[in-house]
Amino acid sequence: MNDVIEPVNLGGFDPVADISSPVDSADASDAVHIRIQQRNGRKCLTTVQGLKEQYDYKKVLKALKKEFCCNGTVVDDPELGQVIQLQGDQRKNVTDFLTKAKLVKKEQIKVHGF
């Protein structure tokens, strides 16, 4: 009767943590990070960070908004630079869009979140 079931330690796997190896560290500056941020309730934001400075962020944002029928903005962050924010969970859509438009290679995209 006094058998208490202890939670099993699954090795401390953190799905949100970045996994980087010494080989990937050279390409870390070229990586485009696509993240999801939970808001209140079912609402969430998708952020795109790390696009090259040569691209016009406003034009990329306009194309993304038109393609996915969602709203968005470009935010100037002092640490991260310019970050594109889109309404909703657009991680897969943004990944496909950036690779089809040949803005970045598939290997350069890192998707974070759930």
PDB file of N, CA and C in Angstrom:
ATOM      1  N   MET A   1       0.807  -1.188   0.000  1.00  0.00           N
ATOM      2  CA  MET A   1       0.000   0.000   0.000  1.00  0.00           C
ATOM      3  C   MET A   1       0.855   1.259   0.000  1.00  0.00           C
ATOM      4  N   ASN A   2       2.038   1.172   0.561  1.00  0.00           N
ATOM      5  CA  ASN A   2       2.900   2.343   0.651  1.00  0.00           C
ATOM      6  C   ASN A   2       3.836   2.461  -0.542  1.00  0.00           C
ATOM      7  N   ASP A   3       3.514   1.765  -1.618  1.00  0.00           N
ATOM      8  CA  ASP A   3       4.353   1.867  -2.805  1.00  0.00           C
ATOM      9  C   ASP A   3       4.096   3.207  -3.485  1.00  0.00           C
ATOM     10  N   VAL A   4       5.119   4.025  -3.497  1.00  0.00           N
ATOM     11  CA  VAL A   4       5.020   5.335  -4.130  1.00  0.00           C
ATOM     12  C   VAL A   4       5.776   5.261  -5.448  1.00  0.00           C
ATOM     13  N   ILE A   5       5.133   5.659  -6.503  1.00  0.00           N
ATOM     14  CA  ILE A   5       5.764   5.629  -7.814  1.00  0.00           C
ATOM     15  C   ILE A   5       6.534   6.927  -7.996  1.00  0.00           C
ATOM     16  N   GLU A   6       7.830   6.793  -8.206  1.00  0.00           N
ATOM     17  CA  GLU A   6       8.689   7.952  -8.424  1.00  0.00           C
ATOM     18  C   GLU A   6       8.690   8.305  -9.911  1.00  0.00           C
ATOM     19  N   PRO A   7       8.724   9.583 -10.245  1.00  0.00           N
ATOM     20  CA  PRO A   7       8.828   9.948 -11.658  1.00  0.00           C
ATOM     21  C   PRO A   7      10.172   9.492 -12.211  1.00  0.00           C
ATOM     22  N   VAL A   8      10.140   8.999 -13.407  1.00  0.00           N
ATOM     23  CA  VAL A   8      11.338   8.479 -14.036  1.00  0.00           C
ATOM     24  C   VAL A   8      12.090   9.630 -14.684  1.00  0.00           C
ATOM     25  N   ASN A   9      13.378   9.695 -14.418  1.00  0.00           N
ATOM     26  CA  ASN A   9      14.209  10.710 -15.034  1.00  0.00           C
ATOM     27  C   ASN A   9      14.511  10.275 -16.462  1.00  0.00           C
ATOM     28  N   LEU A  10      14.089  11.071 -17.418  1.00  0.00           N
ATOM     29  CA  LEU A  10      14.263  10.727 -18.824  1.00  0.00           C
ATOM     30  C   LEU A  10      15.549  11.291 -19.405  1.00  0.00           C
ATOM     31  N   GLY A  11      16.518  11.545 -18.566  1.00  0.00           N
ATOM     32  CA  GLY A  11      17.802  12.015 -19.060  1.00  0.00           C
ATOM     33  C   GLY A  11      17.889  13.520 -19.176  1.00  0.00           C
ATOM     34  N   GLY A  12      16.889  14.235 -18.739  1.00  0.00           N
ATOM     35  CA  GLY A  12      16.938  15.691 -18.761  1.00  0.00           C
ATOM     36  C   GLY A  12      16.919  16.272 -20.160  1.00  0.00           C
ATOM     37  N   PHE A  13      16.221  15.651 -21.095  1.00  0.00           N
ATOM     38  CA  PHE A  13      16.157  16.160 -22.459  1.00  0.00           C
ATOM     39  C   PHE A  13      15.332  17.430 -22.498  1.00  0.00           C
ATOM     40  N   ASP A  14      15.906  18.476 -23.052  1.00  0.00           N
ATOM     41  CA  ASP A  14      15.217  19.754 -23.177  1.00  0.00           C
ATOM     42  C   ASP A  14      14.963  20.011 -24.659  1.00  0.00           C
ATOM     43  N   PRO A  15      13.712  19.904 -25.149  1.00  0.00           N
ATOM     44  CA  PRO A  15      13.445  20.064 -26.572  1.00  0.00           C
ATOM     45  C   PRO A  15      13.653  21.488 -27.073  1.00  0.00           C
ATOM     46  N   VAL A  16      13.689  22.466 -26.174  1.00  0.00           N
ATOM     47  CA  VAL A  16      13.839  23.854 -26.592  1.00  0.00           C
ATOM     48  C   VAL A  16      15.311  24.252 -26.690  1.00  0.00           C
ATOM     49  N   ALA A  17      16.177  23.529 -25.991  1.00  0.00           N
ATOM     50  CA  ALA A  17      17.596  23.883 -25.970  1.00  0.00           C
ATOM     51  C   ALA A  17      18.227  23.669 -27.341  1.00  0.00           C
ATOM     52  N   ASP A  18      19.142  24.539 -27.689  1.00  0.00           N
ATOM     53  CA  ASP A  18      19.873  24.403 -28.944  1.00  0.00           C
ATOM     54  C   ASP A  18      20.903  23.303 -28.811  1.00  0.00           C
ATOM     55  N   ILE A  19      20.980  22.476 -29.836  1.00  0.00           N
ATOM     56  CA  ILE A  19      22.003  21.443 -29.879  1.00  0.00           C
ATOM     57  C   ILE A  19      23.030  21.908 -30.900  1.00  0.00           C
ATOM     58  N   SER A  20      24.212  22.201 -30.426  1.00  0.00           N
ATOM     59  CA  SER A  20      25.238  22.673 -31.341  1.00  0.00           C
ATOM     60  C   SER A  20      26.489  21.823 -31.174  1.00  0.00           C
ATOM     61  N   SER A  21      27.129  21.599 -32.283  1.00  0.00           N
ATOM     62  CA  SER A  21      28.377  20.848 -32.278  1.00  0.00           C
ATOM     63  C   SER A  21      29.481  21.772 -32.774  1.00  0.00           C
ATOM     64  N   PRO A  22      30.744  21.416 -32.577  1.00  0.00           N
ATOM     65  CA  PRO A  22      31.820  22.288 -33.032  1.00  0.00           C
ATOM     66  C   PRO A  22      31.795  22.546 -34.534  1.00  0.00           C
ATOM     67  N   VAL A  23      31.273  21.615 -35.317  1.00  0.00           N
ATOM     68  CA  VAL A  23      31.204  21.797 -36.762  1.00  0.00           C
ATOM     69  C   VAL A  23      30.198  22.884 -37.111  1.00  0.00           C
ATOM     70  N   ASP A  24      29.065  22.943 -36.378  1.00  0.00           N
ATOM     71  CA  ASP A  24      28.009  23.914 -36.659  1.00  0.00           C
ATOM     72  C   ASP A  24      28.314  25.303 -36.118  1.00  0.00           C
ATOM     73  N   SER A  25      29.327  25.448 -35.267  1.00  0.00           N
ATOM     74  CA  SER A  25      29.572  26.742 -34.643  1.00  0.00           C
ATOM     75  C   SER A  25      30.000  27.804 -35.647  1.00  0.00           C
ATOM     76  N   ALA A  26      30.605  27.416 -36.756  1.00  0.00           N
ATOM     77  CA  ALA A  26      31.004  28.385 -37.769  1.00  0.00           C
ATOM     78  C   ALA A  26      29.788  28.957 -38.487  1.00  0.00           C
ATOM     79  N   ASP A  27      28.738  28.150 -38.649  1.00  0.00           N
ATOM     80  CA  ASP A  27      27.540  28.589 -39.348  1.00  0.00           C
ATOM     81  C   ASP A  27      26.511  29.209 -38.418  1.00  0.00           C
ATOM     82  N   ALA A  28      26.824  29.319 -37.134  1.00  0.00           N
ATOM     83  CA  ALA A  28      25.852  29.826 -36.168  1.00  0.00           C
ATOM     84  C   ALA A  28      25.481  31.275 -36.460  1.00  0.00           C
ATOM     85  N   SER A  29      26.407  32.066 -36.984  1.00  0.00           N
ATOM     86  CA  SER A  29      26.099  33.461 -37.265  1.00  0.00           C
ATOM     87  C   SER A  29      25.184  33.597 -38.481  1.00  0.00           C
ATOM     88  N   ASP A  30      25.189  32.609 -39.381  1.00  0.00           N
ATOM     89  CA  ASP A  30      24.356  32.652 -40.571  1.00  0.00           C
ATOM     90  C   ASP A  30      22.993  32.019 -40.359  1.00  0.00           C
ATOM     91  N   ALA A  31      22.761  31.458 -39.179  1.00  0.00           N
ATOM     92  CA  ALA A  31      21.512  30.737 -38.936  1.00  0.00           C
ATOM     93  C   ALA A  31      20.335  31.697 -38.813  1.00  0.00           C
ATOM     94  N   VAL A  32      19.199  31.248 -39.321  1.00  0.00           N
ATOM     95  CA  VAL A  32      17.944  31.978 -39.185  1.00  0.00           C
ATOM     96  C   VAL A  32      17.116  31.227 -38.159  1.00  0.00           C
ATOM     97  N   HIS A  33      16.740  31.911 -37.092  1.00  0.00           N
ATOM     98  CA  HIS A  33      15.999  31.285 -36.003  1.00  0.00           C
ATOM     99  C   HIS A  33      14.523  31.626 -36.130  1.00  0.00           C
ATOM    100  N   ILE A  34      13.686  30.593 -36.147  1.00  0.00           N
ATOM    101  CA  ILE A  34      12.245  30.763 -36.202  1.00  0.00           C
ATOM    102  C   ILE A  34      11.692  30.229 -34.888  1.00  0.00           C
ATOM    103  N   ARG A  35      11.098  31.120 -34.118  1.00  0.00           N
ATOM    104  CA  ARG A  35      10.612  30.758 -32.783  1.00  0.00           C
ATOM    105  C   ARG A  35       9.126  31.033 -32.666  1.00  0.00           C
ATOM    106  N   ILE A  36       8.527  30.407 -31.657  1.00  0.00           N
ATOM    107  CA  ILE A  36       7.126  30.661 -31.350  1.00  0.00           C
ATOM    108  C   ILE A  36       7.054  31.142 -29.912  1.00  0.00           C
ATOM    109  N   GLN A  37       6.257  32.174 -29.674  1.00  0.00           N
ATOM    110  CA  GLN A  37       6.072  32.711 -28.325  1.00  0.00           C
ATOM    111  C   GLN A  37       4.595  32.626 -27.979  1.00  0.00           C
ATOM    112  N   GLN A  38       4.319  32.008 -26.853  1.00  0.00           N
ATOM    113  CA  GLN A  38       2.929  31.870 -26.407  1.00  0.00           C
ATOM    114  C   GLN A  38       2.449  33.196 -25.823  1.00  0.00           C
ATOM    115  N   ARG A  39       1.284  33.627 -26.238  1.00  0.00           N
ATOM    116  CA  ARG A  39       0.650  34.808 -25.658  1.00  0.00           C
ATOM    117  C   ARG A  39      -0.404  34.337 -24.687  1.00  0.00           C
ATOM    118  N   ASN A  40      -1.539  34.968 -24.660  1.00  0.00           N
ATOM    119  CA  ASN A  40      -2.591  34.565 -23.727  1.00  0.00           C
ATOM    120  C   ASN A  40      -3.560  33.607 -24.415  1.00  0.00           C
ATOM    121  N   GLY A  41      -3.880  32.525 -23.717  1.00  0.00           N
ATOM    122  CA  GLY A  41      -4.812  31.541 -24.260  1.00  0.00           C
ATOM    123  C   GLY A  41      -4.217  30.781 -25.430  1.00  0.00           C
ATOM    124  N   ARG A  42      -4.927  30.769 -26.546  1.00  0.00           N
ATOM    125  CA  ARG A  42      -4.472  30.041 -27.725  1.00  0.00           C
ATOM    126  C   ARG A  42      -3.656  30.924 -28.664  1.00  0.00           C
ATOM    127  N   LYS A  43      -3.460  32.159 -28.327  1.00  0.00           N
ATOM    128  CA  LYS A  43      -2.757  33.098 -29.203  1.00  0.00           C
ATOM    129  C   LYS A  43      -1.249  32.887 -29.109  1.00  0.00           C
ATOM    130  N   CYS A  44      -0.566  33.048 -30.247  1.00  0.00           N
ATOM    131  CA  CYS A  44       0.888  32.928 -30.235  1.00  0.00           C
ATOM    132  C   CYS A  44       1.482  33.804 -31.334  1.00  0.00           C
ATOM    133  N   LEU A  45       2.777  34.056 -31.205  1.00  0.00           N
ATOM    134  CA  LEU A  45       3.542  34.842 -32.168  1.00  0.00           C
ATOM    135  C   LEU A  45       4.642  33.981 -32.752  1.00  0.00           C
ATOM    136  N   THR A  46       4.933  34.164 -34.021  1.00  0.00           N
ATOM    137  CA  THR A  46       6.085  33.528 -34.652  1.00  0.00           C
ATOM    138  C   THR A  46       7.102  34.616 -34.928  1.00  0.00           C
ATOM    139  N   THR A  47       8.348  34.405 -34.485  1.00  0.00           N
ATOM    140  CA  THR A  47       9.399  35.395 -34.715  1.00  0.00           C
ATOM    141  C   THR A  47      10.459  34.808 -35.632  1.00  0.00           C
ATOM    142  N   VAL A  48      10.945  35.636 -36.547  1.00  0.00           N
ATOM    143  CA  VAL A  48      11.999  35.253 -37.482  1.00  0.00           C
ATOM    144  C   VAL A  48      13.168  36.187 -37.238  1.00  0.00           C
ATOM    145  N   GLN A  49      14.314  35.600 -36.908  1.00  0.00           N
ATOM    146  CA  GLN A  49      15.484  36.394 -36.546  1.00  0.00           C
ATOM    147  C   GLN A  49      16.699  35.849 -37.279  1.00  0.00           C
ATOM    148  N   GLY A  50      17.561  36.730 -37.717  1.00  0.00           N
ATOM    149  CA  GLY A  50      18.831  36.308 -38.298  1.00  0.00           C
ATOM    150  C   GLY A  50      18.898  36.380 -39.809  1.00  0.00           C
ATOM    151  N   LEU A  51      17.904  36.981 -40.462  1.00  0.00           N
ATOM    152  CA  LEU A  51      18.010  37.167 -41.906  1.00  0.00           C
ATOM    153  C   LEU A  51      19.149  38.132 -42.206  1.00  0.00           C
ATOM    154  N   LYS A  52      19.717  38.027 -43.372  1.00  0.00           N
ATOM    155  CA  LYS A  52      20.832  38.906 -43.738  1.00  0.00           C
ATOM    156  C   LYS A  52      20.364  40.353 -43.813  1.00  0.00           C
ATOM    157  N   GLU A  53      21.256  41.251 -43.490  1.00  0.00           N
ATOM    158  CA  GLU A  53      20.938  42.686 -43.479  1.00  0.00           C
ATOM    159  C   GLU A  53      20.664  43.229 -44.881  1.00  0.00           C
ATOM    160  N   GLN A  54      21.135  42.529 -45.913  1.00  0.00           N
ATOM    161  CA  GLN A  54      20.958  43.026 -47.280  1.00  0.00           C
ATOM    162  C   GLN A  54      19.501  42.959 -47.737  1.00  0.00           C
ATOM    163  N   TYR A  55      18.684  42.130 -47.071  1.00  0.00           N
ATOM    164  CA  TYR A  55      17.274  42.023 -47.436  1.00  0.00           C
ATOM    165  C   TYR A  55      16.483  43.154 -46.814  1.00  0.00           C
ATOM    166  N   ASP A  56      15.487  43.620 -47.555  1.00  0.00           N
ATOM    167  CA  ASP A  56      14.579  44.636 -47.038  1.00  0.00           C
ATOM    168  C   ASP A  56      13.518  43.917 -46.204  1.00  0.00           C
ATOM    169  N   TYR A  57      13.591  44.080 -44.898  1.00  0.00           N
ATOM    170  CA  TYR A  57      12.704  43.372 -43.985  1.00  0.00           C
ATOM    171  C   TYR A  57      11.244  43.716 -44.233  1.00  0.00           C
ATOM    172  N   LYS A  58      10.971  44.967 -44.592  1.00  0.00           N
ATOM    173  CA  LYS A  58       9.590  45.388 -44.839  1.00  0.00           C
ATOM    174  C   LYS A  58       8.997  44.638 -46.038  1.00  0.00           C
ATOM    175  N   LYS A  59       9.801  44.428 -47.087  1.00  0.00           N
ATOM    176  CA  LYS A  59       9.313  43.711 -48.270  1.00  0.00           C
ATOM    177  C   LYS A  59       9.119  42.226 -47.971  1.00  0.00           C
ATOM    178  N   VAL A  60      10.042  41.644 -47.206  1.00  0.00           N
ATOM    179  CA  VAL A  60       9.895  40.240 -46.818  1.00  0.00           C
ATOM    180  C   VAL A  60       8.641  40.076 -45.979  1.00  0.00           C
ATOM    181  N   LEU A  61       8.431  40.999 -45.032  1.00  0.00           N
ATOM    182  CA  LEU A  61       7.244  40.946 -44.180  1.00  0.00           C
ATOM    183  C   LEU A  61       5.968  41.074 -45.006  1.00  0.00           C
ATOM    184  N   LYS A  62       5.958  41.973 -45.968  1.00  0.00           N
ATOM    185  CA  LYS A  62       4.780  42.164 -46.795  1.00  0.00           C
ATOM    186  C   LYS A  62       4.452  40.889 -47.571  1.00  0.00           C
ATOM    187  N   ALA A  63       5.484  40.219 -48.098  1.00  0.00           N
ATOM    188  CA  ALA A  63       5.259  38.973 -48.828  1.00  0.00           C
ATOM    189  C   ALA A  63       4.748  37.873 -47.902  1.00  0.00           C
ATOM    190  N   LEU A  64       5.309  37.796 -46.687  1.00  0.00           N
ATOM    191  CA  LEU A  64       4.871  36.789 -45.720  1.00  0.00           C
ATOM    192  C   LEU A  64       3.410  37.016 -45.320  1.00  0.00           C
ATOM    193  N   LYS A  65       3.048  38.272 -45.050  1.00  0.00           N
ATOM    194  CA  LYS A  65       1.691  38.599 -44.647  1.00  0.00           C
ATOM    195  C   LYS A  65       0.688  38.261 -45.750  1.00  0.00           C
ATOM    196  N   LYS A  66       1.063  38.556 -46.986  1.00  0.00           N
ATOM    197  CA  LYS A  66       0.163  38.286 -48.094  1.00  0.00           C
ATOM    198  C   LYS A  66       0.028  36.784 -48.341  1.00  0.00           C
ATOM    199  N   GLU A  67       1.122  36.067 -48.205  1.00  0.00           N
ATOM    200  CA  GLU A  67       1.121  34.622 -48.458  1.00  0.00           C
ATOM    201  C   GLU A  67       0.310  33.860 -47.415  1.00  0.00           C
ATOM    202  N   PHE A  68       0.435  34.228 -46.139  1.00  0.00           N
ATOM    203  CA  PHE A  68      -0.170  33.457 -45.060  1.00  0.00           C
ATOM    204  C   PHE A  68      -1.442  34.084 -44.493  1.00  0.00           C
ATOM    205  N   CYS A  69      -1.880  35.211 -45.048  1.00  0.00           N
ATOM    206  CA  CYS A  69      -3.101  35.885 -44.579  1.00  0.00           C
ATOM    207  C   CYS A  69      -3.062  36.122 -43.067  1.00  0.00           C
ATOM    208  N   CYS A  70      -1.975  36.743 -42.610  1.00  0.00           N
ATOM    209  CA  CYS A  70      -1.852  37.064 -41.193  1.00  0.00           C
ATOM    210  C   CYS A  70      -1.235  38.452 -41.061  1.00  0.00           C
ATOM    211  N   ASN A  71      -1.269  38.986 -39.873  1.00  0.00           N
ATOM    212  CA  ASN A  71      -0.686  40.294 -39.619  1.00  0.00           C
ATOM    213  C   ASN A  71       0.717  40.110 -39.057  1.00  0.00           C
ATOM    214  N   GLY A  72       1.538  41.156 -39.142  1.00  0.00           N
ATOM    215  CA  GLY A  72       2.888  41.070 -38.626  1.00  0.00           C
ATOM    216  C   GLY A  72       3.538  42.436 -38.575  1.00  0.00           C
ATOM    217  N   THR A  73       4.742  42.451 -38.003  1.00  0.00           N
ATOM    218  CA  THR A  73       5.488  43.699 -37.872  1.00  0.00           C
ATOM    219  C   THR A  73       6.975  43.395 -37.813  1.00  0.00           C
ATOM    220  N   VAL A  74       7.783  44.435 -38.026  1.00  0.00           N
ATOM    221  CA  VAL A  74       9.227  44.347 -37.863  1.00  0.00           C
ATOM    222  C   VAL A  74       9.585  45.118 -36.600  1.00  0.00           C
ATOM    223  N   VAL A  75      10.279  44.448 -35.671  1.00  0.00           N
ATOM    224  CA  VAL A  75      10.643  45.036 -34.394  1.00  0.00           C
ATOM    225  C   VAL A  75      12.158  45.225 -34.355  1.00  0.00           C
ATOM    226  N   ASP A  76      12.607  46.411 -33.948  1.00  0.00           N
ATOM    227  CA  ASP A  76      14.035  46.668 -33.771  1.00  0.00           C
ATOM    228  C   ASP A  76      14.416  46.350 -32.339  1.00  0.00           C
ATOM    229  N   ASP A  77      15.224  45.313 -32.163  1.00  0.00           N
ATOM    230  CA  ASP A  77      15.680  44.906 -30.842  1.00  0.00           C
ATOM    231  C   ASP A  77      17.137  45.322 -30.697  1.00  0.00           C
ATOM    232  N   PRO A  78      17.538  45.936 -29.576  1.00  0.00           N
ATOM    233  CA  PRO A  78      18.926  46.387 -29.441  1.00  0.00           C
ATOM    234  C   PRO A  78      19.937  45.237 -29.448  1.00  0.00           C
ATOM    235  N   GLU A  79      19.556  44.062 -28.941  1.00  0.00           N
ATOM    236  CA  GLU A  79      20.481  42.925 -28.906  1.00  0.00           C
ATOM    237  C   GLU A  79      20.398  42.069 -30.163  1.00  0.00           C
ATOM    238  N   LEU A  80      19.188  41.834 -30.655  1.00  0.00           N
ATOM    239  CA  LEU A  80      18.979  40.883 -31.744  1.00  0.00           C
ATOM    240  C   LEU A  80      18.913  41.530 -33.119  1.00  0.00           C
ATOM    241  N   GLY A  81      18.828  42.843 -33.184  1.00  0.00           N
ATOM    242  CA  GLY A  81      18.670  43.514 -34.470  1.00  0.00           C
ATOM    243  C   GLY A  81      17.210  43.522 -34.870  1.00  0.00           C
ATOM    244  N   GLN A  82      16.946  43.437 -36.172  1.00  0.00           N
ATOM    245  CA  GLN A  82      15.573  43.451 -36.644  1.00  0.00           C
ATOM    246  C   GLN A  82      14.980  42.040 -36.566  1.00  0.00           C
ATOM    247  N   VAL A  83      13.773  41.958 -36.028  1.00  0.00           N
ATOM    248  CA  VAL A  83      13.075  40.692 -35.858  1.00  0.00           C
ATOM    249  C   VAL A  83      11.693  40.833 -36.489  1.00  0.00           C
ATOM    250  N   ILE A  84      11.308  39.849 -37.296  1.00  0.00           N
ATOM    251  CA  ILE A  84       9.981  39.833 -37.905  1.00  0.00           C
ATOM    252  C   ILE A  84       9.053  39.057 -36.978  1.00  0.00           C
ATOM    253  N   GLN A  85       7.906  39.648 -36.657  1.00  0.00           N
ATOM    254  CA  GLN A  85       6.895  38.983 -35.841  1.00  0.00           C
ATOM    255  C   GLN A  85       5.647  38.767 -36.674  1.00  0.00           C
ATOM    256  N   LEU A  86       5.105  37.548 -36.618  1.00  0.00           N
ATOM    257  CA  LEU A  86       3.879  37.202 -37.332  1.00  0.00           C
ATOM    258  C   LEU A  86       2.867  36.635 -36.350  1.00  0.00           C
ATOM    259  N   GLN A  87       1.587  36.886 -36.608  1.00  0.00           N
ATOM    260  CA  GLN A  87       0.549  36.340 -35.746  1.00  0.00           C
ATOM    261  C   GLN A  87       0.330  34.867 -36.073  1.00  0.00           C
ATOM    262  N   GLY A  88       0.149  34.078 -35.028  1.00  0.00           N
ATOM    263  CA  GLY A  88      -0.158  32.666 -35.205  1.00  0.00           C
ATOM    264  C   GLY A  88       1.094  31.807 -35.303  1.00  0.00           C
ATOM    265  N   ASP A  89       0.890  30.504 -35.381  1.00  0.00           N
ATOM    266  CA  ASP A  89       1.991  29.542 -35.510  1.00  0.00           C
ATOM    267  C   ASP A  89       2.303  29.371 -36.988  1.00  0.00           C
ATOM    268  N   GLN A  90       3.290  30.106 -37.469  1.00  0.00           N
ATOM    269  CA  GLN A  90       3.645  30.109 -38.883  1.00  0.00           C
ATOM    270  C   GLN A  90       5.024  29.481 -39.116  1.00  0.00           C
ATOM    271  N   ARG A  91       5.511  28.669 -38.180  1.00  0.00           N
ATOM    272  CA  ARG A  91       6.883  28.134 -38.283  1.00  0.00           C
ATOM    273  C   ARG A  91       7.098  27.341 -39.561  1.00  0.00           C
ATOM    274  N   LYS A  92       6.221  26.404 -39.858  1.00  0.00           N
ATOM    275  CA  LYS A  92       6.398  25.578 -41.061  1.00  0.00           C
ATOM    276  C   LYS A  92       6.230  26.416 -42.317  1.00  0.00           C
ATOM    277  N   ASN A  93       5.239  27.309 -42.310  1.00  0.00           N
ATOM    278  CA  ASN A  93       5.002  28.165 -43.478  1.00  0.00           C
ATOM    279  C   ASN A  93       6.202  29.057 -43.773  1.00  0.00           C
ATOM    280  N   VAL A  94       6.769  29.663 -42.731  1.00  0.00           N
ATOM    281  CA  VAL A  94       7.915  30.556 -42.921  1.00  0.00           C
ATOM    282  C   VAL A  94       9.129  29.764 -43.420  1.00  0.00           C
ATOM    283  N   THR A  95       9.330  28.571 -42.879  1.00  0.00           N
ATOM    284  CA  THR A  95      10.443  27.727 -43.328  1.00  0.00           C
ATOM    285  C   THR A  95      10.313  27.418 -44.810  1.00  0.00           C
ATOM    286  N   ASP A  96       9.123  27.002 -45.237  1.00  0.00           N
ATOM    287  CA  ASP A  96       8.902  26.695 -46.648  1.00  0.00           C
ATOM    288  C   ASP A  96       9.064  27.932 -47.522  1.00  0.00           C
ATOM    289  N   PHE A  97       8.541  29.061 -47.069  1.00  0.00           N
ATOM    290  CA  PHE A  97       8.625  30.298 -47.845  1.00  0.00           C
ATOM    291  C   PHE A  97      10.076  30.737 -48.050  1.00  0.00           C
ATOM    292  N   LEU A  98      10.864  30.722 -46.970  1.00  0.00           N
ATOM    293  CA  LEU A  98      12.250  31.185 -47.066  1.00  0.00           C
ATOM    294  C   LEU A  98      13.094  30.292 -47.969  1.00  0.00           C
ATOM    295  N   THR A  99      12.812  28.987 -47.967  1.00  0.00           N
ATOM    296  CA  THR A  99      13.581  28.088 -48.833  1.00  0.00           C
ATOM    297  C   THR A  99      13.122  28.188 -50.284  1.00  0.00           C
ATOM    298  N   LYS A 100      11.811  28.342 -50.517  1.00  0.00           N
ATOM    299  CA  LYS A 100      11.309  28.459 -51.896  1.00  0.00           C
ATOM    300  C   LYS A 100      11.733  29.776 -52.535  1.00  0.00           C
ATOM    301  N   ALA A 101      11.785  30.840 -51.728  1.00  0.00           N
ATOM    302  CA  ALA A 101      12.206  32.147 -52.242  1.00  0.00           C
ATOM    303  C   ALA A 101      13.729  32.246 -52.340  1.00  0.00           C
ATOM    304  N   LYS A 102      14.428  31.201 -51.876  1.00  0.00           N
ATOM    305  CA  LYS A 102      15.892  31.125 -51.913  1.00  0.00           C
ATOM    306  C   LYS A 102      16.545  32.261 -51.139  1.00  0.00           C
ATOM    307  N   LEU A 103      15.902  32.661 -50.030  1.00  0.00           N
ATOM    308  CA  LEU A 103      16.507  33.656 -49.152  1.00  0.00           C
ATOM    309  C   LEU A 103      17.550  33.004 -48.255  1.00  0.00           C
ATOM    310  N   VAL A 104      17.274  31.764 -47.818  1.00  0.00           N
ATOM    311  CA  VAL A 104      18.220  30.999 -47.005  1.00  0.00           C
ATOM    312  C   VAL A 104      18.142  29.536 -47.423  1.00  0.00           C
ATOM    313  N   LYS A 105      19.180  28.790 -47.064  1.00  0.00           N
ATOM    314  CA  LYS A 105      19.187  27.354 -47.326  1.00  0.00           C
ATOM    315  C   LYS A 105      18.494  26.633 -46.181  1.00  0.00           C
ATOM    316  N   LYS A 106      18.018  25.440 -46.470  1.00  0.00           N
ATOM    317  CA  LYS A 106      17.303  24.637 -45.464  1.00  0.00           C
ATOM    318  C   LYS A 106      18.195  24.356 -44.256  1.00  0.00           C
ATOM    319  N   GLU A 107      19.500  24.180 -44.471  1.00  0.00           N
ATOM    320  CA  GLU A 107      20.428  23.861 -43.384  1.00  0.00           C
ATOM    321  C   GLU A 107      20.643  25.044 -42.448  1.00  0.00           C
ATOM    322  N   GLN A 108      20.376  26.256 -42.919  1.00  0.00           N
ATOM    323  CA  GLN A 108      20.600  27.454 -42.109  1.00  0.00           C
ATOM    324  C   GLN A 108      19.433  27.771 -41.193  1.00  0.00           C
ATOM    325  N   ILE A 109      18.289  27.113 -41.379  1.00  0.00           N
ATOM    326  CA  ILE A 109      17.098  27.426 -40.593  1.00  0.00           C
ATOM    327  C   ILE A 109      17.057  26.545 -39.353  1.00  0.00           C
ATOM    328  N   LYS A 110      16.849  27.193 -38.203  1.00  0.00           N
ATOM    329  CA  LYS A 110      16.668  26.473 -36.947  1.00  0.00           C
ATOM    330  C   LYS A 110      15.302  26.842 -36.397  1.00  0.00           C
ATOM    331  N   VAL A 111      14.458  25.826 -36.242  1.00  0.00           N
ATOM    332  CA  VAL A 111      13.098  26.033 -35.748  1.00  0.00           C
ATOM    333  C   VAL A 111      13.064  25.672 -34.275  1.00  0.00           C
ATOM    334  N   HIS A 112      12.570  26.597 -33.460  1.00  0.00           N
ATOM    335  CA  HIS A 112      12.484  26.395 -32.009  1.00  0.00           C
ATOM    336  C   HIS A 112      11.014  26.365 -31.604  1.00  0.00           C
ATOM    337  N   GLY A 113      10.726  25.748 -30.479  1.00  0.00           N
ATOM    338  CA  GLY A 113       9.380  25.757 -29.949  1.00  0.00           C
ATOM    339  C   GLY A 113       8.896  24.369 -29.607  1.00  0.00           C
ATOM    340  N   PHE A 114       7.612  24.256 -29.386  1.00  0.00           N
ATOM    341  CA  PHE A 114       6.980  23.028 -28.905  1.00  0.00           C
ATOM    342  C   PHE A 114       7.634  21.843 -29.527  1.00  0.00           C
TER     343      PHE A 114
END
